[in-house]
Amino acid sequence: MIQDNAAAANNTPTAGHNSVISPKAKFGVNCSVGLFCIIEDDVTIGDNVTIGDYCKVVNNVRIGNNTRLQSHVEIRANTRIGDNCYIDSFVAFSGESVIGNNVTIRYSAIIARGVRVGDNTYICPLVMTNNLDTQQQSVGGAHIGANCFIGTNAVLNHGIKLEDNVTIGSLSFVNTDCKSGKTYVGVPAKEMVKS
């Protein structure tokens, strides 16, 4: 993942029609920004990064090398995205999240404030994370380990931890911690026991 002092010599990305890019944003080499994008101050983007159309990247965001954002992606403040990631269309980051290397987040997933995602994790479409408890107090989003697979339409509740190599079934509601190497399914999600 690129460091805060990376890209000190600012390169100019190719940019689509009507995109607004702050002169304070820092780009590595061979980057492109699509149509109607907003890239704000104090954004650092690594080498070979592609940003699709209608994306918004706000203050203090870092995006690693060889990462691709599709269209309509919103990344709010204090988010870190690693190298070689794929962020599909309509993914929304609430901010203060850390995404590891080689992570795939498919379309329309919601990454709540404070979510952590380990390397090589795959998040399917329409996954939702939450960072508020039942009293509407921010307690932080889920911490997802490395090499995890989160199925389509799964919901990960606030403050939970998924250890490495966890599989979450589609349409599951996860409200407790999940142990390494296990599969969890259902509402609420329970460990799947092999018969």
C-alpha atoms as a PDB file:
ATOM      1  CA  MET A   1       0.000   0.000   0.000  1.00  0.00           C
ATOM      2  CA  ILE A   2       1.303   3.450  -0.794  1.00  0.00           C
ATOM      3  CA  GLN A   3       2.596   5.561   2.048  1.00  0.00           C
ATOM      4  CA  ASP A   4       1.456   9.065   3.003  1.00  0.00           C
ATOM      5  CA  ASN A   5       4.577  10.592   1.456  1.00  0.00           C
ATOM      6  CA  ALA A   6       4.273   8.673  -1.826  1.00  0.00           C
ATOM      7  CA  ALA A   7       3.787  10.428  -5.147  1.00  0.00           C
ATOM      8  CA  ALA A   8       5.610  13.530  -3.945  1.00  0.00           C
ATOM      9  CA  ALA A   9       6.241  14.505  -7.560  1.00  0.00           C
ATOM     10  CA  ASN A  10       2.666  14.939  -8.713  1.00  0.00           C
ATOM     11  CA  ASN A  11       1.841  13.407 -12.078  1.00  0.00           C
ATOM     12  CA  THR A  12      -1.112  14.573 -14.120  1.00  0.00           C
ATOM     13  CA  PRO A  13      -3.713  11.874 -14.774  1.00  0.00           C
ATOM     14  CA  THR A  14      -5.755  11.719 -17.921  1.00  0.00           C
ATOM     15  CA  ALA A  15      -9.148  13.106 -16.921  1.00  0.00           C
ATOM     16  CA  GLY A  16     -12.591  12.903 -18.470  1.00  0.00           C
ATOM     17  CA  HIS A  17     -14.962  15.749 -19.303  1.00  0.00           C
ATOM     18  CA  ASN A  18     -16.206  17.869 -16.365  1.00  0.00           C
ATOM     19  CA  SER A  19     -14.049  16.194 -13.707  1.00  0.00           C
ATOM     20  CA  VAL A  20     -12.813  18.404 -10.872  1.00  0.00           C
ATOM     21  CA  ILE A  21      -9.402  17.426  -9.508  1.00  0.00           C
ATOM     22  CA  SER A  22      -7.794  19.419  -6.725  1.00  0.00           C
ATOM     23  CA  PRO A  23      -4.284  20.651  -7.552  1.00  0.00           C
ATOM     24  CA  LYS A  24      -3.329  19.310  -4.104  1.00  0.00           C
ATOM     25  CA  ALA A  25      -4.241  15.725  -5.036  1.00  0.00           C
ATOM     26  CA  LYS A  26      -1.179  13.567  -5.714  1.00  0.00           C
ATOM     27  CA  PHE A  27      -1.084  10.960  -8.462  1.00  0.00           C
ATOM     28  CA  GLY A  28       1.421   8.313  -9.405  1.00  0.00           C
ATOM     29  CA  VAL A  29       2.211   7.488 -13.027  1.00  0.00           C
ATOM     30  CA  ASN A  30      -0.228   6.173 -15.625  1.00  0.00           C
ATOM     31  CA  CYS A  31      -3.477   7.101 -13.826  1.00  0.00           C
ATOM     32  CA  SER A  32      -6.825   7.970 -15.367  1.00  0.00           C
ATOM     33  CA  VAL A  33      -9.961   9.646 -14.027  1.00  0.00           C
ATOM     34  CA  GLY A  34     -13.324   9.274 -15.777  1.00  0.00           C
ATOM     35  CA  LEU A  35     -16.120  11.720 -16.519  1.00  0.00           C
ATOM     36  CA  PHE A  36     -17.761  13.968 -13.889  1.00  0.00           C
ATOM     37  CA  CYS A  37     -15.476  12.916 -11.004  1.00  0.00           C
ATOM     38  CA  ILE A  38     -14.515  14.910  -7.926  1.00  0.00           C
ATOM     39  CA  ILE A  39     -11.073  14.350  -6.408  1.00  0.00           C
ATOM     40  CA  GLU A  40     -10.540  16.596  -3.373  1.00  0.00           C
ATOM     41  CA  ASP A  41      -7.498  17.841  -1.417  1.00  0.00           C
ATOM     42  CA  ASP A  42      -5.035  15.585   0.366  1.00  0.00           C
ATOM     43  CA  VAL A  43      -5.778  12.547  -1.791  1.00  0.00           C
ATOM     44  CA  THR A  44      -2.840  10.334  -2.719  1.00  0.00           C
ATOM     45  CA  ILE A  45      -3.244   7.857  -5.561  1.00  0.00           C
ATOM     46  CA  GLY A  46      -0.601   5.310  -6.541  1.00  0.00           C
ATOM     47  CA  ASP A  47       0.617   4.179  -9.955  1.00  0.00           C
ATOM     48  CA  ASN A  48      -1.613   2.654 -12.645  1.00  0.00           C
ATOM     49  CA  VAL A  49      -4.892   3.538 -10.917  1.00  0.00           C
ATOM     50  CA  THR A  50      -8.092   3.792 -12.955  1.00  0.00           C
ATOM     51  CA  ILE A  51     -11.061   5.750 -11.603  1.00  0.00           C
ATOM     52  CA  GLY A  52     -14.341   5.371 -13.491  1.00  0.00           C
ATOM     53  CA  ASP A  53     -17.058   7.922 -14.195  1.00  0.00           C
ATOM     54  CA  TYR A  54     -19.025   9.833 -11.526  1.00  0.00           C
ATOM     55  CA  CYS A  55     -16.695   8.954  -8.634  1.00  0.00           C
ATOM     56  CA  LYS A  56     -16.101  11.092  -5.563  1.00  0.00           C
ATOM     57  CA  VAL A  57     -12.908  10.808  -3.507  1.00  0.00           C
ATOM     58  CA  VAL A  58     -12.716  13.186  -0.538  1.00  0.00           C
ATOM     59  CA  ASN A  59     -10.006  14.384   1.831  1.00  0.00           C
ATOM     60  CA  ASN A  60      -7.247  12.235   3.275  1.00  0.00           C
ATOM     61  CA  VAL A  61      -7.849   9.175   1.114  1.00  0.00           C
ATOM     62  CA  ARG A  62      -5.035   6.895  -0.048  1.00  0.00           C
ATOM     63  CA  ILE A  63      -5.431   4.473  -2.965  1.00  0.00           C
ATOM     64  CA  GLY A  64      -2.676   1.956  -3.721  1.00  0.00           C
ATOM     65  CA  ASN A  65      -1.033   0.927  -6.968  1.00  0.00           C
ATOM     66  CA  ASN A  66      -2.873  -0.958  -9.723  1.00  0.00           C
ATOM     67  CA  THR A  67      -6.284  -0.436  -8.121  1.00  0.00           C
ATOM     68  CA  ARG A  68      -9.403   0.025 -10.231  1.00  0.00           C
ATOM     69  CA  LEU A  69     -12.549   1.926  -9.250  1.00  0.00           C
ATOM     70  CA  GLN A  70     -15.552   1.465 -11.489  1.00  0.00           C
ATOM     71  CA  SER A  71     -18.273   4.127 -11.864  1.00  0.00           C
ATOM     72  CA  HIS A  72     -20.284   5.880  -9.114  1.00  0.00           C
ATOM     73  CA  VAL A  73     -17.887   4.971  -6.282  1.00  0.00           C
ATOM     74  CA  GLU A  74     -17.845   7.267  -3.234  1.00  0.00           C
ATOM     75  CA  ILE A  75     -14.876   7.194  -0.871  1.00  0.00           C
ATOM     76  CA  ARG A  76     -15.153   9.410   2.195  1.00  0.00           C
ATOM     77  CA  ALA A  77     -12.411  10.845   4.422  1.00  0.00           C
ATOM     78  CA  ASN A  78      -9.613   8.870   6.054  1.00  0.00           C
ATOM     79  CA  THR A  79     -10.014   5.732   3.966  1.00  0.00           C
ATOM     80  CA  ARG A  80      -7.061   3.596   2.865  1.00  0.00           C
ATOM     81  CA  ILE A  81      -7.311   1.181  -0.056  1.00  0.00           C
ATOM     82  CA  GLY A  82      -4.391  -1.127  -0.820  1.00  0.00           C
ATOM     83  CA  ASP A  83      -2.703  -2.303  -3.992  1.00  0.00           C
ATOM     84  CA  ASN A  84      -4.320  -4.411  -6.731  1.00  0.00           C
ATOM     85  CA  CYS A  85      -7.888  -3.895  -5.511  1.00  0.00           C
ATOM     86  CA  TYR A  86     -11.074  -3.915  -7.573  1.00  0.00           C
ATOM     87  CA  ILE A  87     -13.897  -1.653  -6.374  1.00  0.00           C
ATOM     88  CA  ASP A  88     -17.040  -2.199  -8.417  1.00  0.00           C
ATOM     89  CA  SER A  89     -19.725   0.331  -9.343  1.00  0.00           C
ATOM     90  CA  PHE A  90     -21.890   2.001  -6.683  1.00  0.00           C
ATOM     91  CA  VAL A  91     -19.705   0.910  -3.752  1.00  0.00           C
ATOM     92  CA  ALA A  92     -19.882   3.466  -0.935  1.00  0.00           C
ATOM     93  CA  PHE A  93     -17.277   3.938   1.809  1.00  0.00           C
ATOM     94  CA  SER A  94     -18.457   5.899   4.879  1.00  0.00           C
ATOM     95  CA  GLY A  95     -14.883   6.779   5.839  1.00  0.00           C
ATOM     96  CA  GLU A  96     -12.122   5.779   8.242  1.00  0.00           C
ATOM     97  CA  SER A  97     -11.881   2.321   6.649  1.00  0.00           C
ATOM     98  CA  VAL A  98      -8.793   0.296   5.805  1.00  0.00           C
ATOM     99  CA  ILE A  99      -8.880  -2.082   2.857  1.00  0.00           C
ATOM    100  CA  GLY A 100      -5.934  -4.460   2.366  1.00  0.00           C
ATOM    101  CA  ASN A 101      -4.245  -5.582  -0.841  1.00  0.00           C
ATOM    102  CA  ASN A 102      -5.851  -7.733  -3.558  1.00  0.00           C
ATOM    103  CA  VAL A 103      -9.364  -7.089  -2.238  1.00  0.00           C
ATOM    104  CA  THR A 104     -12.441  -7.244  -4.460  1.00  0.00           C
ATOM    105  CA  ILE A 105     -15.593  -5.374  -3.437  1.00  0.00           C
ATOM    106  CA  ARG A 106     -18.470  -5.965  -5.838  1.00  0.00           C
ATOM    107  CA  TYR A 107     -21.244  -3.577  -6.834  1.00  0.00           C
ATOM    108  CA  SER A 108     -23.488  -1.712  -4.397  1.00  0.00           C
ATOM    109  CA  ALA A 109     -21.677  -2.897  -1.261  1.00  0.00           C
ATOM    110  CA  ILE A 110     -21.688  -0.472   1.676  1.00  0.00           C
ATOM    111  CA  ILE A 111     -18.487  -0.231   3.686  1.00  0.00           C
ATOM    112  CA  ALA A 112     -19.386   1.476   6.980  1.00  0.00           C
ATOM    113  CA  ARG A 113     -17.190   3.805   8.990  1.00  0.00           C
ATOM    114  CA  GLY A 114     -14.323   1.959  10.647  1.00  0.00           C
ATOM    115  CA  VAL A 115     -14.523  -1.285   8.656  1.00  0.00           C
ATOM    116  CA  ARG A 116     -11.230  -3.166   8.220  1.00  0.00           C
ATOM    117  CA  VAL A 117     -10.750  -5.702   5.415  1.00  0.00           C
ATOM    118  CA  GLY A 118      -7.741  -8.034   5.223  1.00  0.00           C
ATOM    119  CA  ASP A 119      -5.753  -8.983   2.136  1.00  0.00           C
ATOM    120  CA  ASN A 120      -7.211 -11.245  -0.565  1.00  0.00           C
ATOM    121  CA  THR A 121     -10.795 -10.944   0.660  1.00  0.00           C
ATOM    122  CA  TYR A 122     -13.744 -11.085  -1.748  1.00  0.00           C
ATOM    123  CA  ILE A 123     -16.939  -9.169  -0.911  1.00  0.00           C
ATOM    124  CA  CYS A 124     -19.916 -10.033  -3.118  1.00  0.00           C
ATOM    125  CA  PRO A 125     -22.567  -7.598  -4.410  1.00  0.00           C
ATOM    126  CA  LEU A 126     -24.968  -5.816  -2.063  1.00  0.00           C
ATOM    127  CA  VAL A 127     -23.093  -6.657   1.146  1.00  0.00           C
ATOM    128  CA  MET A 128     -23.914  -4.183   3.909  1.00  0.00           C
ATOM    129  CA  THR A 129     -21.853  -3.335   6.962  1.00  0.00           C
ATOM    130  CA  ASN A 130     -22.969  -1.227   9.902  1.00  0.00           C
ATOM    131  CA  ASN A 131     -21.123   0.836  12.493  1.00  0.00           C
ATOM    132  CA  LEU A 132     -23.968   1.949  14.787  1.00  0.00           C
ATOM    133  CA  ASP A 133     -25.369   0.021  17.744  1.00  0.00           C
ATOM    134  CA  THR A 134     -29.053  -0.058  18.666  1.00  0.00           C
ATOM    135  CA  GLN A 135     -28.636   3.242  20.553  1.00  0.00           C
ATOM    136  CA  GLN A 136     -27.309   4.821  17.335  1.00  0.00           C
ATOM    137  CA  GLN A 137     -23.845   5.143  18.886  1.00  0.00           C
ATOM    138  CA  SER A 138     -20.869   4.628  16.571  1.00  0.00           C
ATOM    139  CA  VAL A 139     -18.988   1.548  17.755  1.00  0.00           C
ATOM    140  CA  GLY A 140     -17.079   0.857  14.547  1.00  0.00           C
ATOM    141  CA  GLY A 141     -17.645  -1.421  11.621  1.00  0.00           C
ATOM    142  CA  ALA A 142     -16.719  -5.075  11.224  1.00  0.00           C
ATOM    143  CA  HIS A 143     -13.118  -6.227  11.141  1.00  0.00           C
ATOM    144  CA  ILE A 144     -12.799  -8.772   8.337  1.00  0.00           C
ATOM    145  CA  GLY A 145      -9.686 -10.928   8.189  1.00  0.00           C
ATOM    146  CA  ALA A 146      -7.596 -12.021   5.225  1.00  0.00           C
ATOM    147  CA  ASN A 147      -8.779 -14.533   2.614  1.00  0.00           C
ATOM    148  CA  CYS A 148     -12.444 -14.214   3.557  1.00  0.00           C
ATOM    149  CA  PHE A 149     -15.446 -14.620   1.263  1.00  0.00           C
ATOM    150  CA  ILE A 150     -18.616 -12.638   2.039  1.00  0.00           C
ATOM    151  CA  GLY A 151     -21.682 -13.816   0.080  1.00  0.00           C
ATOM    152  CA  THR A 152     -24.213 -11.679  -1.758  1.00  0.00           C
ATOM    153  CA  ASN A 153     -26.625  -9.628   0.377  1.00  0.00           C
ATOM    154  CA  ALA A 154     -24.918 -10.561   3.635  1.00  0.00           C
ATOM    155  CA  VAL A 155     -25.155  -8.065   6.494  1.00  0.00           C
ATOM    156  CA  LEU A 156     -22.247  -7.663   8.913  1.00  0.00           C
ATOM    157  CA  ASN A 157     -23.272  -6.039  12.183  1.00  0.00           C
ATOM    158  CA  HIS A 158     -21.297  -3.369  14.027  1.00  0.00           C
ATOM    159  CA  GLY A 159     -18.184  -4.223  16.024  1.00  0.00           C
ATOM    160  CA  ILE A 160     -17.858  -7.880  15.020  1.00  0.00           C
ATOM    161  CA  LYS A 161     -14.655  -9.664  14.036  1.00  0.00           C
ATOM    162  CA  LEU A 162     -14.228 -12.215  11.263  1.00  0.00           C
ATOM    163  CA  GLU A 163     -10.939 -14.040  11.599  1.00  0.00           C
ATOM    164  CA  ASP A 164      -8.947 -15.131   8.531  1.00  0.00           C
ATOM    165  CA  ASN A 165     -10.354 -17.604   5.969  1.00  0.00           C
ATOM    166  CA  VAL A 166     -14.004 -17.157   6.996  1.00  0.00           C
ATOM    167  CA  THR A 167     -16.849 -17.787   4.532  1.00  0.00           C
ATOM    168  CA  ILE A 168     -20.198 -16.045   5.017  1.00  0.00           C
ATOM    169  CA  GLY A 169     -23.166 -17.410   3.088  1.00  0.00           C
ATOM    170  CA  SER A 170     -25.411 -15.250   0.941  1.00  0.00           C
ATOM    171  CA  LEU A 171     -28.324 -13.522   2.713  1.00  0.00           C
ATOM    172  CA  SER A 172     -26.753 -14.149   6.130  1.00  0.00           C
ATOM    173  CA  PHE A 173     -26.973 -11.737   9.063  1.00  0.00           C
ATOM    174  CA  VAL A 174     -23.748 -11.870  11.067  1.00  0.00           C
ATOM    175  CA  ASN A 175     -24.017 -10.449  14.584  1.00  0.00           C
ATOM    176  CA  THR A 176     -21.254 -12.380  16.410  1.00  0.00           C
ATOM    177  CA  ASP A 177     -17.545 -12.987  15.884  1.00  0.00           C
ATOM    178  CA  CYS A 178     -16.555 -15.723  13.419  1.00  0.00           C
ATOM    179  CA  LYS A 179     -13.684 -18.176  13.907  1.00  0.00           C
ATOM    180  CA  SER A 180     -10.905 -18.761  11.391  1.00  0.00           C
ATOM    181  CA  GLY A 181     -11.560 -21.238   8.593  1.00  0.00           C
ATOM    182  CA  LYS A 182     -15.262 -21.657   9.392  1.00  0.00           C
ATOM    183  CA  THR A 183     -18.398 -21.117   7.293  1.00  0.00           C
ATOM    184  CA  TYR A 184     -21.386 -19.219   8.698  1.00  0.00           C
ATOM    185  CA  VAL A 185     -24.900 -19.102   7.232  1.00  0.00           C
ATOM    186  CA  GLY A 186     -28.401 -17.996   8.184  1.00  0.00           C
ATOM    187  CA  VAL A 187     -30.265 -15.329  10.125  1.00  0.00           C
ATOM    188  CA  PRO A 188     -28.648 -14.941  12.543  1.00  0.00           C
ATOM    189  CA  ALA A 189     -25.569 -16.605  11.039  1.00  0.00           C
ATOM    190  CA  LYS A 190     -24.441 -19.832  12.701  1.00  0.00           C
ATOM    191  CA  GLU A 191     -21.424 -21.986  12.047  1.00  0.00           C
ATOM    192  CA  MET A 192     -22.175 -24.573   9.397  1.00  0.00           C
ATOM    193  CA  VAL A 193     -21.396 -28.013  10.818  1.00  0.00           C
ATOM    194  CA  LYS A 194     -20.357 -30.737   8.420  1.00  0.00           C
ATOM    195  CA  SER A 195     -22.343 -33.952   8.854  1.00  0.00           C
END
